[in-house]
């Protein structure tokens, strides 16, 4: 019996080692990037940089003459966004295990102590604020408003209670271009607010499409996203309305010229046409997937184009 038991234990150990080889190894760095939601940090970096670039361009200050300002703005905004996302992970660790998309986060798997996550979050927020203090007071205030709206108004208040949570969350998502602009010019030009409006209005159709794809996960987690509460038909109608609301915004940016106006209008109309085209699949998830993918490309192309157009 003892020999049989020894062989059995050895077989189990071999099996466990084999299974461990199939599990992707994680590192402290990868866990850190997951905590701060590096994808969100990077995407917001694009809109922050665009706001900063345009402010420097139209104020005549010049980009290369203000590289220190650029670094302070990029580092500061990135750190406060990272801190906010980390704090979001800390707060949401009770519902994240219920969703396939979030159950692998370090705060869920237990790889990171929750207390340490909270400390890291406030450390990042403090460092980010300190870097922004080397720019303008307006940039600091706007940055802190973004943190408050994301952590308190969205994560702690509306996310679990109201179907309007996506709209409330869109406030913080639209703040980065304002931070960038304010860092170079504290007297926010009307164009800065148009940038804010573009990102604000872009977010509901983007996240509603994502919520349609993950509707059962949100339902299991008890998060009242629009598709969960109102269904797919109503959600699709809301997406069309929000996308249509983007149509007039490029006309409020005449200083970027006719080429940008044409490109932006094509992108806006293309988003609506994509929705109409995708109806042929008669599959709401496929429809939502196409709309979600389009939304990702839309924001990147739009903001990169603003930078390129000023170089021509």
C-alpha atoms as a PDB file:
ATOM      1  CA  UNK A   1       0.000   0.000   0.000  1.00  0.00           C
ATOM      2  CA  UNK A   2       2.799   2.452   0.860  1.00  0.00           C
ATOM      3  CA  UNK A   3       4.492   1.910  -2.523  1.00  0.00           C
ATOM      4  CA  UNK A   4       1.160   2.391  -4.288  1.00  0.00           C
ATOM      5  CA  UNK A   5       0.480   5.585  -2.327  1.00  0.00           C
ATOM      6  CA  UNK A   6       3.967   6.903  -3.122  1.00  0.00           C
ATOM      7  CA  UNK A   7       3.458   6.267  -6.825  1.00  0.00           C
ATOM      8  CA  UNK A   8       0.055   7.960  -6.670  1.00  0.00           C
ATOM      9  CA  UNK A   9       1.499  11.061  -4.954  1.00  0.00           C
ATOM     10  CA  UNK A  10       4.287  11.237  -7.506  1.00  0.00           C
ATOM     11  CA  UNK A  11       1.777  11.048 -10.335  1.00  0.00           C
ATOM     12  CA  UNK A  12      -0.253  13.880  -8.797  1.00  0.00           C
ATOM     13  CA  UNK A  13       2.844  16.044  -8.426  1.00  0.00           C
ATOM     14  CA  UNK A  14       3.821  15.395 -12.035  1.00  0.00           C
ATOM     15  CA  UNK A  15       0.305  16.275 -13.130  1.00  0.00           C
ATOM     16  CA  UNK A  16       0.351  19.517 -11.110  1.00  0.00           C
ATOM     17  CA  UNK A  17       3.723  20.510 -12.588  1.00  0.00           C
ATOM     18  CA  UNK A  18       2.367  19.826 -16.061  1.00  0.00           C
ATOM     19  CA  UNK A  19      -0.687  21.989 -15.405  1.00  0.00           C
ATOM     20  CA  UNK A  20       1.454  24.802 -14.018  1.00  0.00           C
ATOM     21  CA  UNK A  21       3.416  24.891 -17.262  1.00  0.00           C
ATOM     22  CA  UNK A  22       0.159  25.596 -19.095  1.00  0.00           C
ATOM     23  CA  UNK A  23      -0.705  28.534 -16.814  1.00  0.00           C
ATOM     24  CA  UNK A  24       0.817  31.816 -18.036  1.00  0.00           C
ATOM     25  CA  UNK A  25       3.366  33.103 -15.568  1.00  0.00           C
ATOM     26  CA  UNK A  26       2.693  36.480 -14.051  1.00  0.00           C
ATOM     27  CA  UNK A  27       5.251  38.910 -12.768  1.00  0.00           C
ATOM     28  CA  UNK A  28       5.073  41.786 -10.353  1.00  0.00           C
ATOM     29  CA  UNK A  29       5.341  44.152 -13.314  1.00  0.00           C
ATOM     30  CA  UNK A  30       2.452  42.509 -15.156  1.00  0.00           C
ATOM     31  CA  UNK A  31       0.333  42.624 -12.009  1.00  0.00           C
ATOM     32  CA  UNK A  32       1.184  46.298 -11.607  1.00  0.00           C
ATOM     33  CA  UNK A  33       0.161  47.044 -15.198  1.00  0.00           C
ATOM     34  CA  UNK A  34      -3.101  45.178 -14.618  1.00  0.00           C
ATOM     35  CA  UNK A  35      -3.772  47.144 -11.441  1.00  0.00           C
ATOM     36  CA  UNK A  36      -3.358  50.520 -13.120  1.00  0.00           C
ATOM     37  CA  UNK A  37      -5.258  49.374 -16.242  1.00  0.00           C
ATOM     38  CA  UNK A  38      -2.447  50.277 -18.599  1.00  0.00           C
ATOM     39  CA  UNK A  39      -4.765  50.157 -21.620  1.00  0.00           C
ATOM     40  CA  UNK A  40      -6.891  52.952 -20.174  1.00  0.00           C
ATOM     41  CA  UNK A  41      -3.785  54.944 -19.229  1.00  0.00           C
ATOM     42  CA  UNK A  42      -2.417  54.669 -22.776  1.00  0.00           C
ATOM     43  CA  UNK A  43      -5.682  55.608 -24.491  1.00  0.00           C
ATOM     44  CA  UNK A  44      -6.129  58.637 -22.238  1.00  0.00           C
ATOM     45  CA  UNK A  45      -2.560  59.609 -22.957  1.00  0.00           C
ATOM     46  CA  UNK A  46      -3.494  60.144 -26.608  1.00  0.00           C
ATOM     47  CA  UNK A  47      -6.260  62.615 -25.769  1.00  0.00           C
ATOM     48  CA  UNK A  48      -4.133  64.365 -23.122  1.00  0.00           C
ATOM     49  CA  UNK A  49      -1.275  64.821 -25.568  1.00  0.00           C
ATOM     50  CA  UNK A  50      -3.607  66.130 -28.266  1.00  0.00           C
ATOM     51  CA  UNK A  51      -5.052  68.744 -25.922  1.00  0.00           C
ATOM     52  CA  UNK A  52      -1.553  69.822 -24.908  1.00  0.00           C
ATOM     53  CA  UNK A  53      -0.284  69.845 -28.499  1.00  0.00           C
ATOM     54  CA  UNK A  54      -3.147  71.976 -29.795  1.00  0.00           C
ATOM     55  CA  UNK A  55      -2.863  74.435 -26.905  1.00  0.00           C
ATOM     56  CA  UNK A  56       0.853  74.911 -27.573  1.00  0.00           C
ATOM     57  CA  UNK A  57       0.228  75.174 -31.310  1.00  0.00           C
ATOM     58  CA  UNK A  58      -2.538  77.780 -31.220  1.00  0.00           C
ATOM     59  CA  UNK A  59      -0.928  79.807 -28.436  1.00  0.00           C
ATOM     60  CA  UNK A  60       2.270  80.010 -30.466  1.00  0.00           C
ATOM     61  CA  UNK A  61       4.410  78.672 -27.624  1.00  0.00           C
ATOM     62  CA  UNK A  62       5.920  75.839 -29.597  1.00  0.00           C
ATOM     63  CA  UNK A  63       6.258  72.189 -28.655  1.00  0.00           C
ATOM     64  CA  UNK A  64      10.044  71.769 -28.548  1.00  0.00           C
ATOM     65  CA  UNK A  65      10.471  74.973 -26.574  1.00  0.00           C
ATOM     66  CA  UNK A  66       8.340  73.488 -23.790  1.00  0.00           C
ATOM     67  CA  UNK A  67       9.542  69.890 -23.465  1.00  0.00           C
ATOM     68  CA  UNK A  68       9.705  70.214 -19.680  1.00  0.00           C
ATOM     69  CA  UNK A  69       6.030  71.209 -19.621  1.00  0.00           C
ATOM     70  CA  UNK A  70       5.209  68.280 -21.908  1.00  0.00           C
ATOM     71  CA  UNK A  71       6.967  65.803 -19.612  1.00  0.00           C
ATOM     72  CA  UNK A  72       5.340  67.150 -16.457  1.00  0.00           C
ATOM     73  CA  UNK A  73       1.916  66.994 -18.104  1.00  0.00           C
ATOM     74  CA  UNK A  74       2.275  63.502 -19.568  1.00  0.00           C
ATOM     75  CA  UNK A  75       3.790  61.994 -16.422  1.00  0.00           C
ATOM     76  CA  UNK A  76       1.406  63.787 -14.079  1.00  0.00           C
ATOM     77  CA  UNK A  77      -1.767  62.934 -15.981  1.00  0.00           C
ATOM     78  CA  UNK A  78      -0.653  59.317 -16.483  1.00  0.00           C
ATOM     79  CA  UNK A  79       0.001  58.884 -12.766  1.00  0.00           C
ATOM     80  CA  UNK A  80      -3.337  60.282 -11.610  1.00  0.00           C
ATOM     81  CA  UNK A  81      -5.181  58.137 -14.171  1.00  0.00           C
ATOM     82  CA  UNK A  82      -3.206  55.087 -13.025  1.00  0.00           C
ATOM     83  CA  UNK A  83      -3.970  55.900  -9.386  1.00  0.00           C
ATOM     84  CA  UNK A  84      -7.669  56.296 -10.123  1.00  0.00           C
ATOM     85  CA  UNK A  85      -7.800  52.968 -11.990  1.00  0.00           C
ATOM     86  CA  UNK A  86      -5.932  51.206  -9.197  1.00  0.00           C
ATOM     87  CA  UNK A  87      -8.368  52.613  -6.650  1.00  0.00           C
ATOM     88  CA  UNK A  88     -11.227  51.441  -8.864  1.00  0.00           C
ATOM     89  CA  UNK A  89      -9.786  47.912  -8.717  1.00  0.00           C
ATOM     90  CA  UNK A  90      -9.562  48.157  -4.931  1.00  0.00           C
ATOM     91  CA  UNK A  91     -13.196  49.235  -4.598  1.00  0.00           C
ATOM     92  CA  UNK A  92     -14.572  46.754  -7.139  1.00  0.00           C
ATOM     93  CA  UNK A  93     -12.847  43.647  -5.807  1.00  0.00           C
ATOM     94  CA  UNK A  94     -16.201  42.306  -4.558  1.00  0.00           C
ATOM     95  CA  UNK A  95     -17.904  42.338  -7.979  1.00  0.00           C
ATOM     96  CA  UNK A  96     -14.894  41.702 -10.234  1.00  0.00           C
ATOM     97  CA  UNK A  97     -14.863  37.921  -9.457  1.00  0.00           C
ATOM     98  CA  UNK A  98     -18.343  37.685 -10.978  1.00  0.00           C
ATOM     99  CA  UNK A  99     -17.233  38.884 -14.410  1.00  0.00           C
ATOM    100  CA  UNK A 100     -15.099  36.933 -16.868  1.00  0.00           C
ATOM    101  CA  UNK A 101     -13.438  40.139 -18.060  1.00  0.00           C
ATOM    102  CA  UNK A 102     -12.253  41.133 -14.583  1.00  0.00           C
ATOM    103  CA  UNK A 103     -11.884  37.929 -12.564  1.00  0.00           C
ATOM    104  CA  UNK A 104      -8.180  37.651 -13.401  1.00  0.00           C
ATOM    105  CA  UNK A 105      -7.249  40.985 -11.835  1.00  0.00           C
ATOM    106  CA  UNK A 106      -4.615  40.784  -9.061  1.00  0.00           C
ATOM    107  CA  UNK A 107      -7.102  42.219  -6.567  1.00  0.00           C
ATOM    108  CA  UNK A 108      -9.375  39.244  -7.303  1.00  0.00           C
ATOM    109  CA  UNK A 109      -6.833  36.420  -7.470  1.00  0.00           C
ATOM    110  CA  UNK A 110      -5.271  37.467  -4.178  1.00  0.00           C
ATOM    111  CA  UNK A 111      -1.832  38.101  -5.645  1.00  0.00           C
ATOM    112  CA  UNK A 112      -1.862  41.616  -4.220  1.00  0.00           C
ATOM    113  CA  UNK A 113      -2.858  42.657  -0.731  1.00  0.00           C
ATOM    114  CA  UNK A 114      -5.853  45.070  -0.884  1.00  0.00           C
ATOM    115  CA  UNK A 115      -4.276  47.386   1.664  1.00  0.00           C
ATOM    116  CA  UNK A 116      -1.161  47.699  -0.459  1.00  0.00           C
ATOM    117  CA  UNK A 117      -3.329  48.450  -3.504  1.00  0.00           C
ATOM    118  CA  UNK A 118      -4.984  51.333  -1.627  1.00  0.00           C
ATOM    119  CA  UNK A 119      -1.594  52.698  -0.559  1.00  0.00           C
ATOM    120  CA  UNK A 120      -0.248  52.397  -4.106  1.00  0.00           C
ATOM    121  CA  UNK A 121      -3.321  54.192  -5.464  1.00  0.00           C
ATOM    122  CA  UNK A 122      -2.952  57.217  -3.212  1.00  0.00           C
ATOM    123  CA  UNK A 123       0.800  57.287  -3.805  1.00  0.00           C
ATOM    124  CA  UNK A 124       0.249  57.447  -7.569  1.00  0.00           C
ATOM    125  CA  UNK A 125      -2.413  60.116  -7.144  1.00  0.00           C
ATOM    126  CA  UNK A 126      -0.103  62.174  -4.954  1.00  0.00           C
ATOM    127  CA  UNK A 127       2.844  61.907  -7.324  1.00  0.00           C
ATOM    128  CA  UNK A 128       0.659  62.717 -10.326  1.00  0.00           C
ATOM    129  CA  UNK A 129      -0.727  65.798  -8.634  1.00  0.00           C
ATOM    130  CA  UNK A 130       2.795  66.893  -7.696  1.00  0.00           C
ATOM    131  CA  UNK A 131       3.943  66.669 -11.326  1.00  0.00           C
ATOM    132  CA  UNK A 132       0.920  68.631 -12.538  1.00  0.00           C
ATOM    133  CA  UNK A 133       1.773  71.381 -10.041  1.00  0.00           C
ATOM    134  CA  UNK A 134       4.740  72.191 -12.264  1.00  0.00           C
ATOM    135  CA  UNK A 135       2.280  73.163 -15.025  1.00  0.00           C
ATOM    136  CA  UNK A 136      -0.734  75.298 -14.055  1.00  0.00           C
ATOM    137  CA  UNK A 137      -3.227  75.451 -11.213  1.00  0.00           C
ATOM    138  CA  UNK A 138      -6.003  74.868 -13.717  1.00  0.00           C
ATOM    139  CA  UNK A 139      -4.464  71.547 -14.791  1.00  0.00           C
ATOM    140  CA  UNK A 140      -4.217  70.430 -11.158  1.00  0.00           C
ATOM    141  CA  UNK A 141      -7.838  71.355 -10.392  1.00  0.00           C
ATOM    142  CA  UNK A 142      -9.157  69.675 -13.539  1.00  0.00           C
ATOM    143  CA  UNK A 143      -7.094  66.580 -12.812  1.00  0.00           C
ATOM    144  CA  UNK A 144      -8.510  66.302  -9.289  1.00  0.00           C
ATOM    145  CA  UNK A 145     -12.039  66.822 -10.614  1.00  0.00           C
ATOM    146  CA  UNK A 146     -11.424  63.899 -12.958  1.00  0.00           C
ATOM    147  CA  UNK A 147     -10.244  61.719 -10.059  1.00  0.00           C
ATOM    148  CA  UNK A 148     -13.272  62.645  -7.950  1.00  0.00           C
ATOM    149  CA  UNK A 149     -15.741  62.010 -10.758  1.00  0.00           C
ATOM    150  CA  UNK A 150     -14.243  58.598 -11.560  1.00  0.00           C
ATOM    151  CA  UNK A 151     -13.645  57.279  -8.048  1.00  0.00           C
ATOM    152  CA  UNK A 152     -16.524  58.829  -6.129  1.00  0.00           C
ATOM    153  CA  UNK A 153     -19.281  59.794  -8.567  1.00  0.00           C
ATOM    154  CA  UNK A 154     -18.851  56.761 -10.821  1.00  0.00           C
ATOM    155  CA  UNK A 155     -17.184  53.862  -8.972  1.00  0.00           C
ATOM    156  CA  UNK A 156     -18.558  54.424  -5.470  1.00  0.00           C
ATOM    157  CA  UNK A 157     -21.958  55.937  -6.251  1.00  0.00           C
ATOM    158  CA  UNK A 158     -23.606  55.471  -9.649  1.00  0.00           C
ATOM    159  CA  UNK A 159     -21.978  52.310 -11.029  1.00  0.00           C
ATOM    160  CA  UNK A 160     -23.971  49.949  -8.833  1.00  0.00           C
ATOM    161  CA  UNK A 161     -27.124  52.018  -8.482  1.00  0.00           C
ATOM    162  CA  UNK A 162     -28.148  53.830 -11.649  1.00  0.00           C
ATOM    163  CA  UNK A 163     -28.441  53.015 -15.341  1.00  0.00           C
ATOM    164  CA  UNK A 164     -26.963  56.458 -15.975  1.00  0.00           C
ATOM    165  CA  UNK A 165     -23.630  55.253 -14.577  1.00  0.00           C
ATOM    166  CA  UNK A 166     -22.033  55.246 -18.038  1.00  0.00           C
ATOM    167  CA  UNK A 167     -22.888  58.900 -18.617  1.00  0.00           C
ATOM    168  CA  UNK A 168     -21.537  59.898 -15.196  1.00  0.00           C
ATOM    169  CA  UNK A 169     -18.377  57.889 -15.856  1.00  0.00           C
ATOM    170  CA  UNK A 170     -17.941  59.697 -19.154  1.00  0.00           C
ATOM    171  CA  UNK A 171     -17.105  62.916 -17.293  1.00  0.00           C
ATOM    172  CA  UNK A 172     -13.806  61.558 -16.002  1.00  0.00           C
ATOM    173  CA  UNK A 173     -13.006  59.946 -19.341  1.00  0.00           C
ATOM    174  CA  UNK A 174     -13.367  63.303 -21.090  1.00  0.00           C
ATOM    175  CA  UNK A 175     -11.135  65.214 -18.651  1.00  0.00           C
ATOM    176  CA  UNK A 176      -7.671  64.240 -20.058  1.00  0.00           C
ATOM    177  CA  UNK A 177      -7.730  66.581 -23.094  1.00  0.00           C
ATOM    178  CA  UNK A 178      -8.742  69.398 -20.741  1.00  0.00           C
ATOM    179  CA  UNK A 179      -5.781  68.591 -18.488  1.00  0.00           C
ATOM    180  CA  UNK A 180      -3.473  68.697 -21.501  1.00  0.00           C
ATOM    181  CA  UNK A 181      -4.848  72.009 -22.729  1.00  0.00           C
ATOM    182  CA  UNK A 182      -4.931  73.608 -19.287  1.00  0.00           C
ATOM    183  CA  UNK A 183      -1.305  72.626 -18.651  1.00  0.00           C
ATOM    184  CA  UNK A 184      -0.268  74.907 -21.523  1.00  0.00           C
ATOM    185  CA  UNK A 185      -3.061  77.464 -21.292  1.00  0.00           C
ATOM    186  CA  UNK A 186      -5.031  77.829 -18.083  1.00  0.00           C
ATOM    187  CA  UNK A 187      -7.569  80.017 -19.875  1.00  0.00           C
ATOM    188  CA  UNK A 188      -9.336  77.182 -21.640  1.00  0.00           C
ATOM    189  CA  UNK A 189     -10.103  78.005 -25.262  1.00  0.00           C
ATOM    190  CA  UNK A 190     -13.526  76.946 -26.625  1.00  0.00           C
ATOM    191  CA  UNK A 191     -11.712  74.295 -28.680  1.00  0.00           C
ATOM    192  CA  UNK A 192     -10.621  72.623 -25.432  1.00  0.00           C
ATOM    193  CA  UNK A 193     -14.277  72.168 -24.516  1.00  0.00           C
ATOM    194  CA  UNK A 194     -15.013  70.732 -27.949  1.00  0.00           C
ATOM    195  CA  UNK A 195     -12.315  68.125 -27.289  1.00  0.00           C
ATOM    196  CA  UNK A 196     -14.006  67.395 -23.973  1.00  0.00           C
ATOM    197  CA  UNK A 197     -17.375  67.087 -25.723  1.00  0.00           C
ATOM    198  CA  UNK A 198     -16.034  64.692 -28.357  1.00  0.00           C
ATOM    199  CA  UNK A 199     -14.617  62.289 -25.775  1.00  0.00           C
ATOM    200  CA  UNK A 200     -17.648  62.659 -23.495  1.00  0.00           C
ATOM    201  CA  UNK A 201     -20.142  61.876 -26.252  1.00  0.00           C
ATOM    202  CA  UNK A 202     -17.949  59.102 -27.674  1.00  0.00           C
ATOM    203  CA  UNK A 203     -17.985  57.100 -24.440  1.00  0.00           C
ATOM    204  CA  UNK A 204     -21.663  56.057 -24.096  1.00  0.00           C
ATOM    205  CA  UNK A 205     -21.867  54.353 -27.526  1.00  0.00           C
ATOM    206  CA  UNK A 206     -18.439  52.794 -26.920  1.00  0.00           C
ATOM    207  CA  UNK A 207     -19.322  51.357 -23.513  1.00  0.00           C
ATOM    208  CA  UNK A 208     -22.910  50.469 -24.402  1.00  0.00           C
ATOM    209  CA  UNK A 209     -21.544  48.296 -27.219  1.00  0.00           C
ATOM    210  CA  UNK A 210     -19.125  46.680 -24.767  1.00  0.00           C
ATOM    211  CA  UNK A 211     -21.949  46.156 -22.264  1.00  0.00           C
ATOM    212  CA  UNK A 212     -24.045  44.417 -24.921  1.00  0.00           C
ATOM    213  CA  UNK A 213     -21.204  41.962 -25.503  1.00  0.00           C
ATOM    214  CA  UNK A 214     -20.820  41.382 -21.744  1.00  0.00           C
ATOM    215  CA  UNK A 215     -24.451  41.738 -20.739  1.00  0.00           C
ATOM    216  CA  UNK A 216     -24.695  38.472 -18.800  1.00  0.00           C
ATOM    217  CA  UNK A 217     -21.544  39.281 -16.851  1.00  0.00           C
ATOM    218  CA  UNK A 218     -22.893  42.675 -15.843  1.00  0.00           C
ATOM    219  CA  UNK A 219     -26.201  41.050 -14.943  1.00  0.00           C
ATOM    220  CA  UNK A 220     -24.457  38.506 -12.711  1.00  0.00           C
ATOM    221  CA  UNK A 221     -22.459  41.263 -11.027  1.00  0.00           C
ATOM    222  CA  UNK A 222     -25.583  43.351 -10.449  1.00  0.00           C
ATOM    223  CA  UNK A 223     -24.266  46.326 -12.411  1.00  0.00           C
ATOM    224  CA  UNK A 224     -27.255  48.188 -13.970  1.00  0.00           C
ATOM    225  CA  UNK A 225     -25.790  48.790 -17.409  1.00  0.00           C
ATOM    226  CA  UNK A 226     -28.258  49.956 -20.059  1.00  0.00           C
ATOM    227  CA  UNK A 227     -28.499  46.587 -21.888  1.00  0.00           C
ATOM    228  CA  UNK A 228     -29.173  44.827 -18.575  1.00  0.00           C
ATOM    229  CA  UNK A 229     -31.941  47.205 -17.514  1.00  0.00           C
ATOM    230  CA  UNK A 230     -33.500  48.267 -20.816  1.00  0.00           C
ATOM    231  CA  UNK A 231     -32.532  45.511 -23.249  1.00  0.00           C
ATOM    232  CA  UNK A 232     -30.695  45.475 -26.582  1.00  0.00           C
ATOM    233  CA  UNK A 233     -33.291  47.316 -28.662  1.00  0.00           C
ATOM    234  CA  UNK A 234     -33.268  50.393 -26.421  1.00  0.00           C
ATOM    235  CA  UNK A 235     -29.478  50.258 -26.099  1.00  0.00           C
ATOM    236  CA  UNK A 236     -29.021  50.254 -29.875  1.00  0.00           C
ATOM    237  CA  UNK A 237     -31.317  53.256 -30.183  1.00  0.00           C
ATOM    238  CA  UNK A 238     -29.299  55.129 -27.559  1.00  0.00           C
ATOM    239  CA  UNK A 239     -26.062  54.290 -29.372  1.00  0.00           C
ATOM    240  CA  UNK A 240     -27.399  55.785 -32.614  1.00  0.00           C
ATOM    241  CA  UNK A 241     -28.490  58.941 -30.781  1.00  0.00           C
ATOM    242  CA  UNK A 242     -25.097  59.447 -29.125  1.00  0.00           C
ATOM    243  CA  UNK A 243     -23.196  58.849 -32.365  1.00  0.00           C
ATOM    244  CA  UNK A 244     -25.476  61.308 -34.180  1.00  0.00           C
ATOM    245  CA  UNK A 245     -24.671  63.872 -31.469  1.00  0.00           C
ATOM    246  CA  UNK A 246     -21.041  63.809 -32.640  1.00  0.00           C
ATOM    247  CA  UNK A 247     -21.944  65.055 -36.128  1.00  0.00           C
ATOM    248  CA  UNK A 248     -21.941  68.850 -35.443  1.00  0.00           C
ATOM    249  CA  UNK A 249     -18.799  68.920 -33.280  1.00  0.00           C
ATOM    250  CA  UNK A 250     -16.166  69.072 -36.065  1.00  0.00           C
ATOM    251  CA  UNK A 251     -17.890  72.214 -37.384  1.00  0.00           C
ATOM    252  CA  UNK A 252     -16.991  73.886 -34.065  1.00  0.00           C
ATOM    253  CA  UNK A 253     -13.265  73.471 -34.850  1.00  0.00           C
ATOM    254  CA  UNK A 254     -12.803  75.604 -37.991  1.00  0.00           C
ATOM    255  CA  UNK A 255      -9.182  76.411 -37.141  1.00  0.00           C
ATOM    256  CA  UNK A 256      -8.261  72.808 -37.956  1.00  0.00           C
ATOM    257  CA  UNK A 257      -9.285  73.388 -41.553  1.00  0.00           C
ATOM    258  CA  UNK A 258     -11.429  71.725 -44.194  1.00  0.00           C
ATOM    259  CA  UNK A 259      -9.433  68.455 -44.453  1.00  0.00           C
ATOM    260  CA  UNK A 260     -10.072  67.682 -40.781  1.00  0.00           C
ATOM    261  CA  UNK A 261     -13.733  68.635 -41.105  1.00  0.00           C
ATOM    262  CA  UNK A 262     -14.121  66.197 -43.993  1.00  0.00           C
ATOM    263  CA  UNK A 263     -12.269  63.390 -42.195  1.00  0.00           C
ATOM    264  CA  UNK A 264     -14.200  63.844 -38.952  1.00  0.00           C
ATOM    265  CA  UNK A 265     -17.531  63.938 -40.786  1.00  0.00           C
ATOM    266  CA  UNK A 266     -16.637  60.763 -42.691  1.00  0.00           C
ATOM    267  CA  UNK A 267     -15.767  59.064 -39.394  1.00  0.00           C
ATOM    268  CA  UNK A 268     -19.041  60.161 -37.798  1.00  0.00           C
ATOM    269  CA  UNK A 269     -21.213  59.144 -40.734  1.00  0.00           C
ATOM    270  CA  UNK A 270     -19.205  55.932 -41.076  1.00  0.00           C
ATOM    271  CA  UNK A 271     -20.034  54.988 -37.496  1.00  0.00           C
ATOM    272  CA  UNK A 272     -23.756  55.350 -38.188  1.00  0.00           C
ATOM    273  CA  UNK A 273     -23.476  53.424 -41.457  1.00  0.00           C
ATOM    274  CA  UNK A 274     -21.559  50.659 -39.697  1.00  0.00           C
ATOM    275  CA  UNK A 275     -24.501  50.195 -37.362  1.00  0.00           C
ATOM    276  CA  UNK A 276     -26.956  50.088 -40.238  1.00  0.00           C
ATOM    277  CA  UNK A 277     -24.741  47.653 -42.164  1.00  0.00           C
ATOM    278  CA  UNK A 278     -24.285  45.353 -39.158  1.00  0.00           C
ATOM    279  CA  UNK A 279     -28.061  44.893 -38.840  1.00  0.00           C
ATOM    280  CA  UNK A 280     -27.892  42.403 -41.698  1.00  0.00           C
ATOM    281  CA  UNK A 281     -26.266  39.859 -39.376  1.00  0.00           C
ATOM    282  CA  UNK A 282     -29.445  39.744 -37.264  1.00  0.00           C
ATOM    283  CA  UNK A 283     -27.155  39.055 -34.331  1.00  0.00           C
ATOM    284  CA  UNK A 284     -27.010  41.670 -31.591  1.00  0.00           C
ATOM    285  CA  UNK A 285     -23.629  40.507 -30.298  1.00  0.00           C
ATOM    286  CA  UNK A 286     -22.032  40.719 -33.755  1.00  0.00           C
ATOM    287  CA  UNK A 287     -23.619  44.143 -34.179  1.00  0.00           C
ATOM    288  CA  UNK A 288     -22.215  45.284 -30.849  1.00  0.00           C
ATOM    289  CA  UNK A 289     -18.777  43.877 -31.667  1.00  0.00           C
ATOM    290  CA  UNK A 290     -18.539  45.816 -34.925  1.00  0.00           C
ATOM    291  CA  UNK A 291     -19.685  49.020 -33.236  1.00  0.00           C
ATOM    292  CA  UNK A 292     -17.208  48.504 -30.387  1.00  0.00           C
ATOM    293  CA  UNK A 293     -14.265  47.903 -32.741  1.00  0.00           C
ATOM    294  CA  UNK A 294     -15.227  50.936 -34.819  1.00  0.00           C
ATOM    295  CA  UNK A 295     -15.379  53.104 -31.700  1.00  0.00           C
ATOM    296  CA  UNK A 296     -11.803  52.165 -30.777  1.00  0.00           C
ATOM    297  CA  UNK A 297     -10.474  53.111 -34.196  1.00  0.00           C
ATOM    298  CA  UNK A 298     -12.621  56.245 -34.289  1.00  0.00           C
ATOM    299  CA  UNK A 299     -11.130  57.955 -31.244  1.00  0.00           C
ATOM    300  CA  UNK A 300      -7.538  57.118 -32.153  1.00  0.00           C
ATOM    301  CA  UNK A 301      -7.870  58.336 -35.736  1.00  0.00           C
ATOM    302  CA  UNK A 302      -9.733  61.477 -34.711  1.00  0.00           C
ATOM    303  CA  UNK A 303      -7.186  62.666 -32.147  1.00  0.00           C
ATOM    304  CA  UNK A 304      -4.085  61.632 -34.060  1.00  0.00           C
ATOM    305  CA  UNK A 305      -5.488  63.479 -37.088  1.00  0.00           C
ATOM    306  CA  UNK A 306      -5.786  66.675 -35.043  1.00  0.00           C
ATOM    307  CA  UNK A 307      -2.058  66.549 -34.366  1.00  0.00           C
ATOM    308  CA  UNK A 308      -1.075  65.635 -37.919  1.00  0.00           C
ATOM    309  CA  UNK A 309      -3.259  68.333 -39.483  1.00  0.00           C
ATOM    310  CA  UNK A 310      -1.342  71.044 -37.592  1.00  0.00           C
ATOM    311  CA  UNK A 311       1.934  69.737 -38.994  1.00  0.00           C
ATOM    312  CA  UNK A 312       0.892  70.014 -42.625  1.00  0.00           C
END
